[in-house]
Amino acid sequence: MGTRMMPEETPQPTEPLIELTVNRVVEDPNTDTRILVLSRTDGTPDHFMIWVGAAEGESIRRALDSSVTPRPMSHDLVRSFGEHLGIITERVVITDVKSSTYFATVYLENKGVTRTVDARPSDAIGLAIRCHAPIYVTPDVWKRRTGQNLDAWLNKLETKNIGAQEV
């Protein structure tokens, strides 16, 4: 299914990772997608935005709101597998960006062995929220991010599309 698990031999960044938290999920009515707005946990007033599908954004919003669904969502199922098998989601790292597409790695620990799994950022972040695992971005990806002027961009979006809603 395309999921790769690798031993913890991934090169470590030379600069410290930047910890993020999901600030909110915003609807982009122009594209029927959601925008994850992530904020730095160190108090720096700057944001990181990732566009995700509507279903993925809704799943993350539900996790932020601690909403309970009648049946488990996919991320809930993965978290449940981990709990039953003794696997801990240690952290999620947004590791790269190519052609405006972000890449992430999920770090999993079991019996003292850490392994990594390649993941879409939306899946990795959805899992991290449910497992209470920290979310990081590499300094290189932080420097290359898009949508750096969030407030101006959101104001422009709301001016063009009256009725744009936060979900």
Foldseek 3Di string as FASTA:
>chain_A
DPKDKAFPPPDDDPDDWFWKDFPFWFAQVVVQWIKTWIDTPVPDPWTFIATGHNVLSVLQRCLVVVNDDPDDDPLRVVVVVCVVQVKAFAEKEFEDADPSAIKIWTWIDHPHTIMIITDGVSSRSSNCSNRVHIYTYHPVCVVVGPPGPVVVVVVVSCVVPVPGGTD
